[in-house]
PDB file of all heavy atoms in Angstrom:
ATOM      1  N   GLN A   1      32.856   1.881 -32.260  1.00  0.00           N
ATOM      2  CA  GLN A   1      32.240   2.596 -31.186  1.00  0.00           C
ATOM      3  C   GLN A   1      32.505   1.892 -29.884  1.00  0.00           C
ATOM      4  O   GLN A   1      32.044   0.727 -29.666  1.00  0.00           O
ATOM      5  CB  GLN A   1      30.707   2.688 -31.420  1.00  0.00           C
ATOM      6  CG  GLN A   1      30.356   3.500 -32.637  1.00  0.00           C
ATOM      7  CD  GLN A   1      28.885   3.527 -32.876  1.00  0.00           C
ATOM      8  OE1 GLN A   1      28.116   2.931 -32.140  1.00  0.00           O
ATOM      9  NE2 GLN A   1      28.478   4.221 -33.916  1.00  0.00           N
ATOM     10  N   PRO A   2      33.289   2.501 -28.989  1.00  0.00           N
ATOM     11  CA  PRO A   2      33.571   1.831 -27.720  1.00  0.00           C
ATOM     12  C   PRO A   2      32.315   1.651 -26.880  1.00  0.00           C
ATOM     13  O   PRO A   2      31.413   2.504 -26.921  1.00  0.00           O
ATOM     14  CB  PRO A   2      34.547   2.786 -27.027  1.00  0.00           C
ATOM     15  CG  PRO A   2      34.412   4.121 -27.712  1.00  0.00           C
ATOM     16  CD  PRO A   2      33.907   3.828 -29.065  1.00  0.00           C
ATOM     17  N   LYS A   3      32.274   0.553 -26.171  1.00  0.00           N
ATOM     18  CA  LYS A   3      31.112   0.280 -25.300  1.00  0.00           C
ATOM     19  C   LYS A   3      31.451   0.561 -23.882  1.00  0.00           C
ATOM     20  O   LYS A   3      32.605   0.411 -23.435  1.00  0.00           O
ATOM     21  CB  LYS A   3      30.726  -1.163 -25.446  1.00  0.00           C
ATOM     22  CG  LYS A   3      30.230  -1.496 -26.836  1.00  0.00           C
ATOM     23  CD  LYS A   3      29.722  -2.907 -26.936  1.00  0.00           C
ATOM     24  CE  LYS A   3      28.992  -3.103 -28.233  1.00  0.00           C
ATOM     25  NZ  LYS A   3      29.716  -3.684 -29.296  1.00  0.00           N
ATOM     26  N   ALA A   4      30.478   0.994 -23.106  1.00  0.00           N
ATOM     27  CA  ALA A   4      30.681   1.268 -21.706  1.00  0.00           C
ATOM     28  C   ALA A   4      30.887  -0.063 -20.982  1.00  0.00           C
ATOM     29  O   ALA A   4      30.427  -1.134 -21.416  1.00  0.00           O
ATOM     30  CB  ALA A   4      29.476   1.982 -21.090  1.00  0.00           C
ATOM     31  N   ALA A   5      31.639   0.007 -19.856  1.00  0.00           N
ATOM     32  CA  ALA A   5      31.863  -1.204 -19.079  1.00  0.00           C
ATOM     33  C   ALA A   5      30.530  -1.720 -18.569  1.00  0.00           C
ATOM     34  O   ALA A   5      29.627  -0.972 -18.304  1.00  0.00           O
ATOM     35  CB  ALA A   5      32.773  -0.881 -17.899  1.00  0.00           C
ATOM     36  N   SER A   6      30.447  -3.006 -18.371  1.00  0.00           N
ATOM     37  CA  SER A   6      29.153  -3.608 -17.980  1.00  0.00           C
ATOM     38  C   SER A   6      28.787  -3.152 -16.587  1.00  0.00           C
ATOM     39  O   SER A   6      27.583  -3.057 -16.317  1.00  0.00           O
ATOM     40  CB  SER A   6      29.269  -5.136 -18.019  1.00  0.00           C
ATOM     41  OG  SER A   6      30.279  -5.612 -17.146  1.00  0.00           O
ATOM     42  N   LYS A   7      29.723  -2.828 -15.747  1.00  0.00           N
ATOM     43  CA  LYS A   7      29.362  -2.375 -14.376  1.00  0.00           C
ATOM     44  C   LYS A   7      28.866  -0.922 -14.399  1.00  0.00           C
ATOM     45  O   LYS A   7      28.317  -0.514 -13.373  1.00  0.00           O
ATOM     46  CB  LYS A   7      30.564  -2.486 -13.460  1.00  0.00           C
ATOM     47  CG  LYS A   7      31.730  -1.546 -13.772  1.00  0.00           C
ATOM     48  CD  LYS A   7      32.839  -1.702 -12.784  1.00  0.00           C
ATOM     49  CE  LYS A   7      33.946  -0.725 -13.114  1.00  0.00           C
ATOM     50  NZ  LYS A   7      35.035  -0.800 -12.177  1.00  0.00           N
ATOM     51  N   ALA A   8      29.022  -0.231 -15.542  1.00  0.00           N
ATOM     52  CA  ALA A   8      28.598   1.166 -15.591  1.00  0.00           C
ATOM     53  C   ALA A   8      27.116   1.339 -15.381  1.00  0.00           C
ATOM     54  O   ALA A   8      26.622   2.317 -14.896  1.00  0.00           O
ATOM     55  CB  ALA A   8      29.012   1.770 -16.903  1.00  0.00           C
ATOM     56  N   GLY A   9      26.285   0.341 -15.762  1.00  0.00           N
ATOM     57  CA  GLY A   9      24.858   0.471 -15.671  1.00  0.00           C
ATOM     58  C   GLY A   9      24.257  -0.148 -14.427  1.00  0.00           C
ATOM     59  O   GLY A   9      23.078  -0.213 -14.264  1.00  0.00           O
ATOM     60  N   ARG A  10      25.121  -0.667 -13.532  1.00  0.00           N
ATOM     61  CA  ARG A  10      24.621  -1.315 -12.326  1.00  0.00           C
ATOM     62  C   ARG A  10      23.899  -0.341 -11.427  1.00  0.00           C
ATOM     63  O   ARG A  10      24.378   0.723 -11.083  1.00  0.00           O
ATOM     64  CB  ARG A  10      25.862  -1.909 -11.565  1.00  0.00           C
ATOM     65  CG  ARG A  10      25.404  -2.532 -10.266  1.00  0.00           C
ATOM     66  CD  ARG A  10      26.595  -2.728  -9.355  1.00  0.00           C
ATOM     67  NE  ARG A  10      27.239  -1.518  -8.997  1.00  0.00           N
ATOM     68  CZ  ARG A  10      26.819  -0.685  -8.045  1.00  0.00           C
ATOM     69  NH1 ARG A  10      25.729  -0.923  -7.326  1.00  0.00           N
ATOM     70  NH2 ARG A  10      27.476   0.402  -7.752  1.00  0.00           N
ATOM     71  N   LYS A  11      22.703  -0.713 -11.116  1.00  0.00           N
ATOM     72  CA  LYS A  11      21.871   0.134 -10.235  1.00  0.00           C
ATOM     73  C   LYS A  11      21.845  -0.511  -8.824  1.00  0.00           C
ATOM     74  O   LYS A  11      21.459  -1.672  -8.741  1.00  0.00           O
ATOM     75  CB  LYS A  11      20.486   0.309 -10.797  1.00  0.00           C
ATOM     76  CG  LYS A  11      19.586   1.152  -9.929  1.00  0.00           C
ATOM     77  CD  LYS A  11      18.242   1.324 -10.582  1.00  0.00           C
ATOM     78  CE  LYS A  11      17.345   2.087  -9.653  1.00  0.00           C
ATOM     79  NZ  LYS A  11      15.989   2.203 -10.149  1.00  0.00           N
ATOM     80  N   PRO A  12      22.213   0.194  -7.789  1.00  0.00           N
ATOM     81  CA  PRO A  12      22.161  -0.341  -6.471  1.00  0.00           C
ATOM     82  C   PRO A  12      20.738  -0.587  -5.977  1.00  0.00           C
ATOM     83  O   PRO A  12      19.819   0.025  -6.457  1.00  0.00           O
ATOM     84  CB  PRO A  12      22.837   0.686  -5.584  1.00  0.00           C
ATOM     85  CG  PRO A  12      22.930   1.920  -6.366  1.00  0.00           C
ATOM     86  CD  PRO A  12      22.718   1.573  -7.827  1.00  0.00           C
ATOM     87  N   ALA A  13      20.596  -1.529  -5.062  1.00  0.00           N
ATOM     88  CA  ALA A  13      19.299  -1.835  -4.476  1.00  0.00           C
ATOM     89  C   ALA A  13      19.313  -1.310  -3.046  1.00  0.00           C
ATOM     90  O   ALA A  13      19.797  -1.981  -2.135  1.00  0.00           O
ATOM     91  CB  ALA A  13      19.081  -3.350  -4.465  1.00  0.00           C
ATOM     92  N   PRO A  14      18.770  -0.081  -2.868  1.00  0.00           N
ATOM     93  CA  PRO A  14      18.837   0.552  -1.534  1.00  0.00           C
ATOM     94  C   PRO A  14      17.837  -0.041  -0.546  1.00  0.00           C
ATOM     95  O   PRO A  14      16.804  -0.595  -0.941  1.00  0.00           O
ATOM     96  CB  PRO A  14      18.566   1.999  -1.810  1.00  0.00           C
ATOM     97  CG  PRO A  14      17.629   1.946  -2.996  1.00  0.00           C
ATOM     98  CD  PRO A  14      18.128   0.785  -3.841  1.00  0.00           C
ATOM     99  N   ALA A  15      18.106   0.185   0.716  1.00  0.00           N
ATOM    100  CA  ALA A  15      17.143  -0.147   1.779  1.00  0.00           C
ATOM    101  C   ALA A  15      15.929   0.811   1.600  1.00  0.00           C
ATOM    102  O   ALA A  15      16.045   1.873   1.024  1.00  0.00           O
ATOM    103  CB  ALA A  15      17.740   0.041   3.137  1.00  0.00           C
ATOM    104  N   ARG A  16      14.791   0.426   2.144  1.00  0.00           N
ATOM    105  CA  ARG A  16      13.572   1.148   1.921  1.00  0.00           C
ATOM    106  C   ARG A  16      13.703   2.647   2.347  1.00  0.00           C
ATOM    107  O   ARG A  16      13.278   3.544   1.651  1.00  0.00           O
ATOM    108  CB  ARG A  16      12.405   0.521   2.698  1.00  0.00           C
ATOM    109  CG  ARG A  16      11.119   1.265   2.628  1.00  0.00           C
ATOM    110  CD  ARG A  16      10.025   0.585   3.384  1.00  0.00           C
ATOM    111  NE  ARG A  16       9.390  -0.288   2.387  1.00  0.00           N
ATOM    112  CZ  ARG A  16       8.552  -1.243   2.712  1.00  0.00           C
ATOM    113  NH1 ARG A  16       8.284  -1.515   3.919  1.00  0.00           N
ATOM    114  NH2 ARG A  16       7.957  -1.998   1.783  1.00  0.00           N
ATOM    115  N   HIS A  17      14.336   2.922   3.502  1.00  0.00           N
ATOM    116  CA  HIS A  17      14.423   4.275   4.019  1.00  0.00           C
ATOM    117  C   HIS A  17      15.423   5.158   3.125  1.00  0.00           C
ATOM    118  O   HIS A  17      15.427   6.353   3.275  1.00  0.00           O
ATOM    119  CB  HIS A  17      14.847   4.319   5.493  1.00  0.00           C
ATOM    120  CG  HIS A  17      16.224   3.852   5.770  1.00  0.00           C
ATOM    121  ND1 HIS A  17      16.570   2.518   5.705  1.00  0.00           N
ATOM    122  CD2 HIS A  17      17.321   4.533   6.131  1.00  0.00           C
ATOM    123  CE1 HIS A  17      17.881   2.429   6.010  1.00  0.00           C
ATOM    124  NE2 HIS A  17      18.332   3.619   6.291  1.00  0.00           N
ATOM    125  N   LYS A  18      16.230   4.501   2.309  1.00  0.00           N
ATOM    126  CA  LYS A  18      17.183   5.234   1.485  1.00  0.00           C
ATOM    127  C   LYS A  18      16.708   5.386   0.055  1.00  0.00           C
ATOM    128  O   LYS A  18      17.313   6.080  -0.753  1.00  0.00           O
ATOM    129  CB  LYS A  18      18.536   4.515   1.474  1.00  0.00           C
ATOM    130  CG  LYS A  18      19.227   4.440   2.807  1.00  0.00           C
ATOM    131  CD  LYS A  18      20.534   3.693   2.609  1.00  0.00           C
ATOM    132  CE  LYS A  18      21.216   3.330   3.892  1.00  0.00           C
ATOM    133  NZ  LYS A  18      22.433   2.542   3.629  1.00  0.00           N
ATOM    134  N   ALA A  19      15.630   4.697  -0.294  1.00  0.00           N
ATOM    135  CA  ALA A  19      15.198   4.596  -1.710  1.00  0.00           C
ATOM    136  C   ALA A  19      14.949   5.961  -2.365  1.00  0.00           C
ATOM    137  O   ALA A  19      15.324   6.219  -3.506  1.00  0.00           O
ATOM    138  CB  ALA A  19      13.953   3.709  -1.820  1.00  0.00           C
ATOM    139  N   ARG A  20      14.302   6.803  -1.626  1.00  0.00           N
ATOM    140  CA  ARG A  20      13.961   8.162  -2.188  1.00  0.00           C
ATOM    141  C   ARG A  20      15.240   8.992  -2.505  1.00  0.00           C
ATOM    142  O   ARG A  20      15.338   9.600  -3.517  1.00  0.00           O
ATOM    143  CB  ARG A  20      13.056   8.879  -1.167  1.00  0.00           C
ATOM    144  CG  ARG A  20      12.286   9.992  -1.784  1.00  0.00           C
ATOM    145  CD  ARG A  20      11.163  10.374  -0.856  1.00  0.00           C
ATOM    146  NE  ARG A  20      10.461  11.455  -1.402  1.00  0.00           N
ATOM    147  CZ  ARG A  20       9.837  12.403  -0.741  1.00  0.00           C
ATOM    148  NH1 ARG A  20       9.815  12.334   0.565  1.00  0.00           N
ATOM    149  NH2 ARG A  20       9.213  13.369  -1.375  1.00  0.00           N
ATOM    150  N   LEU A  21      16.166   8.954  -1.541  1.00  0.00           N
ATOM    151  CA  LEU A  21      17.397   9.674  -1.737  1.00  0.00           C
ATOM    152  C   LEU A  21      18.220   9.079  -2.895  1.00  0.00           C
ATOM    153  O   LEU A  21      18.827   9.779  -3.676  1.00  0.00           O
ATOM    154  CB  LEU A  21      18.227   9.635  -0.407  1.00  0.00           C
ATOM    155  CG  LEU A  21      19.298  10.666  -0.226  1.00  0.00           C
ATOM    156  CD1 LEU A  21      18.803  12.070  -0.545  1.00  0.00           C
ATOM    157  CD2 LEU A  21      19.821  10.598   1.171  1.00  0.00           C
ATOM    158  N   MET A  22      18.215   7.755  -2.974  1.00  0.00           N
ATOM    159  CA  MET A  22      18.933   7.060  -4.071  1.00  0.00           C
ATOM    160  C   MET A  22      18.293   7.416  -5.405  1.00  0.00           C
ATOM    161  O   MET A  22      19.024   7.552  -6.397  1.00  0.00           O
ATOM    162  CB  MET A  22      18.973   5.583  -3.823  1.00  0.00           C
ATOM    163  CG  MET A  22      19.821   5.131  -2.712  1.00  0.00           C
ATOM    164  SD  MET A  22      21.593   5.376  -2.980  1.00  0.00           S
ATOM    165  CE  MET A  22      21.952   3.888  -3.889  1.00  0.00           C
ATOM    166  N   ALA A  23      17.022   7.589  -5.462  1.00  0.00           N
ATOM    167  CA  ALA A  23      16.332   7.965  -6.715  1.00  0.00           C
ATOM    168  C   ALA A  23      16.774   9.332  -7.113  1.00  0.00           C
ATOM    169  O   ALA A  23      16.977   9.592  -8.324  1.00  0.00           O
ATOM    170  CB  ALA A  23      14.838   7.880  -6.520  1.00  0.00           C
ATOM    171  N   LYS A  24      16.957  10.247  -6.147  1.00  0.00           N
ATOM    172  CA  LYS A  24      17.415  11.616  -6.501  1.00  0.00           C
ATOM    173  C   LYS A  24      18.847  11.576  -7.044  1.00  0.00           C
ATOM    174  O   LYS A  24      19.198  12.240  -8.000  1.00  0.00           O
ATOM    175  CB  LYS A  24      17.311  12.490  -5.268  1.00  0.00           C
ATOM    176  CG  LYS A  24      15.885  12.830  -4.881  1.00  0.00           C
ATOM    177  CD  LYS A  24      15.853  13.684  -3.659  1.00  0.00           C
ATOM    178  CE  LYS A  24      14.422  13.992  -3.188  1.00  0.00           C
ATOM    179  NZ  LYS A  24      14.408  14.847  -2.016  1.00  0.00           N
ATOM    180  N   ILE A  25      19.683  10.765  -6.373  1.00  0.00           N
ATOM    181  CA  ILE A  25      21.060  10.616  -6.804  1.00  0.00           C
ATOM    182  C   ILE A  25      21.070  10.026  -8.233  1.00  0.00           C
ATOM    183  O   ILE A  25      21.849  10.501  -9.093  1.00  0.00           O
ATOM    184  CB  ILE A  25      21.854   9.751  -5.806  1.00  0.00           C
ATOM    185  CG1 ILE A  25      22.037  10.558  -4.516  1.00  0.00           C
ATOM    186  CG2 ILE A  25      23.232   9.359  -6.387  1.00  0.00           C
ATOM    187  CD1 ILE A  25      22.637   9.748  -3.364  1.00  0.00           C
ATOM    188  N   GLU A  26      20.270   9.011  -8.474  1.00  0.00           N
ATOM    189  CA  GLU A  26      20.196   8.407  -9.793  1.00  0.00           C
ATOM    190  C   GLU A  26      19.794   9.439 -10.873  1.00  0.00           C
ATOM    191  O   GLU A  26      20.380   9.482 -11.942  1.00  0.00           O
ATOM    192  CB  GLU A  26      19.193   7.246  -9.772  1.00  0.00           C
ATOM    193  CG  GLU A  26      19.085   6.579 -11.124  1.00  0.00           C
ATOM    194  CD  GLU A  26      18.093   5.437 -11.137  1.00  0.00           C
ATOM    195  OE1 GLU A  26      17.260   5.323 -10.202  1.00  0.00           O
ATOM    196  OE2 GLU A  26      18.150   4.612 -12.088  1.00  0.00           O
ATOM    197  N   ALA A  27      18.844  10.265 -10.526  1.00  0.00           N
ATOM    198  CA  ALA A  27      18.376  11.302 -11.484  1.00  0.00           C
ATOM    199  C   ALA A  27      19.503  12.326 -11.773  1.00  0.00           C
ATOM    200  O   ALA A  27      19.721  12.705 -12.932  1.00  0.00           O
ATOM    201  CB  ALA A  27      17.154  12.013 -10.948  1.00  0.00           C
ATOM    202  N   MET A  28      20.280  12.666 -10.742  1.00  0.00           N
ATOM    203  CA  MET A  28      21.342  13.644 -10.955  1.00  0.00           C
ATOM    204  C   MET A  28      22.483  13.013 -11.792  1.00  0.00           C
ATOM    205  O   MET A  28      23.075  13.682 -12.644  1.00  0.00           O
ATOM    206  CB  MET A  28      21.883  14.088  -9.589  1.00  0.00           C
ATOM    207  CG  MET A  28      20.827  14.877  -8.827  1.00  0.00           C
ATOM    208  SD  MET A  28      21.521  15.715  -7.421  1.00  0.00           S
ATOM    209  CE  MET A  28      22.212  17.142  -8.254  1.00  0.00           C
ATOM    210  N   LEU A  29      22.755  11.736 -11.583  1.00  0.00           N
ATOM    211  CA  LEU A  29      23.742  11.034 -12.371  1.00  0.00           C
ATOM    212  C   LEU A  29      23.281  10.959 -13.848  1.00  0.00           C
ATOM    213  O   LEU A  29      24.071  11.172 -14.778  1.00  0.00           O
ATOM    214  CB  LEU A  29      24.022   9.626 -11.804  1.00  0.00           C
ATOM    215  CG  LEU A  29      24.784   9.569 -10.504  1.00  0.00           C
ATOM    216  CD1 LEU A  29      24.758   8.133  -9.973  1.00  0.00           C
ATOM    217  CD2 LEU A  29      26.193  10.085 -10.640  1.00  0.00           C
ATOM    218  N   ALA A  30      22.030  10.608 -14.082  1.00  0.00           N
ATOM    219  CA  ALA A  30      21.503  10.492 -15.411  1.00  0.00           C
ATOM    220  C   ALA A  30      21.533  11.854 -16.132  1.00  0.00           C
ATOM    221  O   ALA A  30      21.899  11.908 -17.308  1.00  0.00           O
ATOM    222  CB  ALA A  30      20.054   9.947 -15.352  1.00  0.00           C
ATOM    223  N   THR A  31      21.194  12.894 -15.407  1.00  0.00           N
ATOM    224  CA  THR A  31      21.229  14.254 -16.012  1.00  0.00           C
ATOM    225  C   THR A  31      22.664  14.616 -16.444  1.00  0.00           C
ATOM    226  O   THR A  31      22.884  15.234 -17.445  1.00  0.00           O
ATOM    227  CB  THR A  31      20.676  15.274 -15.059  1.00  0.00           C
ATOM    228  OG1 THR A  31      19.321  14.896 -14.729  1.00  0.00           O
ATOM    229  CG2 THR A  31      20.695  16.692 -15.657  1.00  0.00           C
ATOM    230  N   ALA A  32      23.629  14.230 -15.605  1.00  0.00           N
ATOM    231  CA  ALA A  32      25.029  14.545 -15.909  1.00  0.00           C
ATOM    232  C   ALA A  32      25.627  13.553 -16.897  1.00  0.00           C
ATOM    233  O   ALA A  32      26.737  13.764 -17.369  1.00  0.00           O
ATOM    234  CB  ALA A  32      25.805  14.511 -14.582  1.00  0.00           C
ATOM    235  N   GLY A  33      24.920  12.492 -17.180  1.00  0.00           N
ATOM    236  CA  GLY A  33      25.405  11.463 -18.081  1.00  0.00           C
ATOM    237  C   GLY A  33      26.552  10.627 -17.525  1.00  0.00           C
ATOM    238  O   GLY A  33      27.471  10.202 -18.193  1.00  0.00           O
ATOM    239  N   ARG A  34      26.431  10.412 -16.200  1.00  0.00           N
ATOM    240  CA  ARG A  34      27.471   9.641 -15.505  1.00  0.00           C
ATOM    241  C   ARG A  34      26.915   8.337 -15.020  1.00  0.00           C
ATOM    242  O   ARG A  34      25.774   8.216 -14.638  1.00  0.00           O
ATOM    243  CB  ARG A  34      27.975  10.473 -14.325  1.00  0.00           C
ATOM    244  CG  ARG A  34      28.679  11.748 -14.802  1.00  0.00           C
ATOM    245  CD  ARG A  34      29.328  12.430 -13.672  1.00  0.00           C
ATOM    246  NE  ARG A  34      30.125  13.551 -14.183  1.00  0.00           N
ATOM    247  CZ  ARG A  34      30.122  14.756 -13.710  1.00  0.00           C
ATOM    248  NH1 ARG A  34      29.369  15.052 -12.688  1.00  0.00           N
ATOM    249  NH2 ARG A  34      30.860  15.683 -14.220  1.00  0.00           N
ATOM    250  N   PRO A  35      27.773   7.276 -14.988  1.00  0.00           N
ATOM    251  CA  PRO A  35      27.349   5.967 -14.510  1.00  0.00           C
ATOM    252  C   PRO A  35      27.346   5.868 -12.999  1.00  0.00           C
ATOM    253  O   PRO A  35      27.866   6.716 -12.324  1.00  0.00           O
ATOM    254  CB  PRO A  35      28.381   5.024 -15.134  1.00  0.00           C
ATOM    255  CG  PRO A  35      29.578   5.849 -15.157  1.00  0.00           C
ATOM    256  CD  PRO A  35      29.125   7.262 -15.490  1.00  0.00           C
ATOM    257  N   TRP A  36      26.764   4.803 -12.456  1.00  0.00           N
ATOM    258  CA  TRP A  36      26.794   4.540 -11.044  1.00  0.00           C
ATOM    259  C   TRP A  36      28.222   4.379 -10.519  1.00  0.00           C
ATOM    260  O   TRP A  36      28.515   4.692  -9.362  1.00  0.00           O
ATOM    261  CB  TRP A  36      25.981   3.313 -10.685  1.00  0.00           C
ATOM    262  CG  TRP A  36      24.507   3.625 -10.542  1.00  0.00           C
ATOM    263  CD1 TRP A  36      23.531   3.334 -11.474  1.00  0.00           C
ATOM    264  CD2 TRP A  36      23.886   4.299  -9.479  1.00  0.00           C
ATOM    265  NE1 TRP A  36      22.337   3.786 -10.974  1.00  0.00           N
ATOM    266  CE2 TRP A  36      22.541   4.390  -9.754  1.00  0.00           C
ATOM    267  CE3 TRP A  36      24.351   4.818  -8.293  1.00  0.00           C
ATOM    268  CZ2 TRP A  36      21.613   5.003  -8.930  1.00  0.00           C
ATOM    269  CZ3 TRP A  36      23.414   5.430  -7.433  1.00  0.00           C
ATOM    270  CH2 TRP A  36      22.082   5.518  -7.750  1.00  0.00           C
ATOM    271  N   ALA A  37      29.095   3.968 -11.393  1.00  0.00           N
ATOM    272  CA  ALA A  37      30.511   3.800 -10.986  1.00  0.00           C
ATOM    273  C   ALA A  37      31.093   5.143 -10.526  1.00  0.00           C
ATOM    274  O   ALA A  37      31.959   5.235  -9.663  1.00  0.00           O
ATOM    275  CB  ALA A  37      31.357   3.216 -12.117  1.00  0.00           C
ATOM    276  N   TYR A  38      30.594   6.234 -11.124  1.00  0.00           N
ATOM    277  CA  TYR A  38      31.043   7.611 -10.730  1.00  0.00           C
ATOM    278  C   TYR A  38      30.619   7.891  -9.281  1.00  0.00           C
ATOM    279  O   TYR A  38      31.430   8.383  -8.485  1.00  0.00           O
ATOM    280  CB  TYR A  38      30.410   8.656 -11.647  1.00  0.00           C
ATOM    281  CG  TYR A  38      30.808  10.068 -11.367  1.00  0.00           C
ATOM    282  CD1 TYR A  38      32.011  10.567 -11.872  1.00  0.00           C
ATOM    283  CD2 TYR A  38      30.013  10.891 -10.608  1.00  0.00           C
ATOM    284  CE1 TYR A  38      32.391  11.854 -11.599  1.00  0.00           C
ATOM    285  CE2 TYR A  38      30.381  12.212 -10.318  1.00  0.00           C
ATOM    286  CZ  TYR A  38      31.608  12.674 -10.835  1.00  0.00           C
ATOM    287  OH  TYR A  38      31.971  13.984 -10.554  1.00  0.00           O
ATOM    288  N   ALA A  39      29.394   7.481  -8.905  1.00  0.00           N
ATOM    289  CA  ALA A  39      28.915   7.695  -7.558  1.00  0.00           C
ATOM    290  C   ALA A  39      29.680   6.811  -6.587  1.00  0.00           C
ATOM    291  O   ALA A  39      30.028   7.201  -5.463  1.00  0.00           O
ATOM    292  CB  ALA A  39      27.422   7.405  -7.480  1.00  0.00           C
ATOM    293  N   ASP A  40      30.043   5.565  -6.991  1.00  0.00           N
ATOM    294  CA  ASP A  40      30.825   4.675  -6.188  1.00  0.00           C
ATOM    295  C   ASP A  40      32.214   5.324  -5.934  1.00  0.00           C
ATOM    296  O   ASP A  40      32.731   5.273  -4.815  1.00  0.00           O
ATOM    297  CB  ASP A  40      31.024   3.324  -6.835  1.00  0.00           C
ATOM    298  CG  ASP A  40      29.727   2.454  -6.819  1.00  0.00           C
ATOM    299  OD1 ASP A  40      28.886   2.753  -5.943  1.00  0.00           O
ATOM    300  OD2 ASP A  40      29.620   1.541  -7.644  1.00  0.00           O
ATOM    301  N   ALA A  41      32.804   5.939  -6.994  1.00  0.00           N
ATOM    302  CA  ALA A  41      34.117   6.580  -6.798  1.00  0.00           C
ATOM    303  C   ALA A  41      34.003   7.771  -5.858  1.00  0.00           C
ATOM    304  O   ALA A  41      34.887   7.980  -5.031  1.00  0.00           O
ATOM    305  CB  ALA A  41      34.645   7.031  -8.137  1.00  0.00           C
ATOM    306  N   MET A  42      32.870   8.505  -5.914  1.00  0.00           N
ATOM    307  CA  MET A  42      32.697   9.619  -5.013  1.00  0.00           C
ATOM    308  C   MET A  42      32.549   9.109  -3.568  1.00  0.00           C
ATOM    309  O   MET A  42      33.116   9.685  -2.619  1.00  0.00           O
ATOM    310  CB  MET A  42      31.438  10.466  -5.363  1.00  0.00           C
ATOM    311  CG  MET A  42      31.632  11.314  -6.568  1.00  0.00           C
ATOM    312  SD  MET A  42      30.143  12.331  -6.902  1.00  0.00           S
ATOM    313  CE  MET A  42      30.210  13.481  -5.562  1.00  0.00           C
ATOM    314  N   ALA A  43      31.818   7.998  -3.360  1.00  0.00           N
ATOM    315  CA  ALA A  43      31.663   7.445  -2.063  1.00  0.00           C
ATOM    316  C   ALA A  43      33.047   7.011  -1.508  1.00  0.00           C
ATOM    317  O   ALA A  43      33.345   7.263  -0.312  1.00  0.00           O
ATOM    318  CB  ALA A  43      30.724   6.274  -2.121  1.00  0.00           C
TER     319      ALA A  43
END
């Protein structure tokens, strides 16, 4: 069973004013089954 890369689970630490938006992005990534690395690639 292949394992995901260790960086795949890295959760960013946003500034206070961005925290709510980052939480929404995190929820959308989780629903899609995608890691934070996917969002980094989009950025």
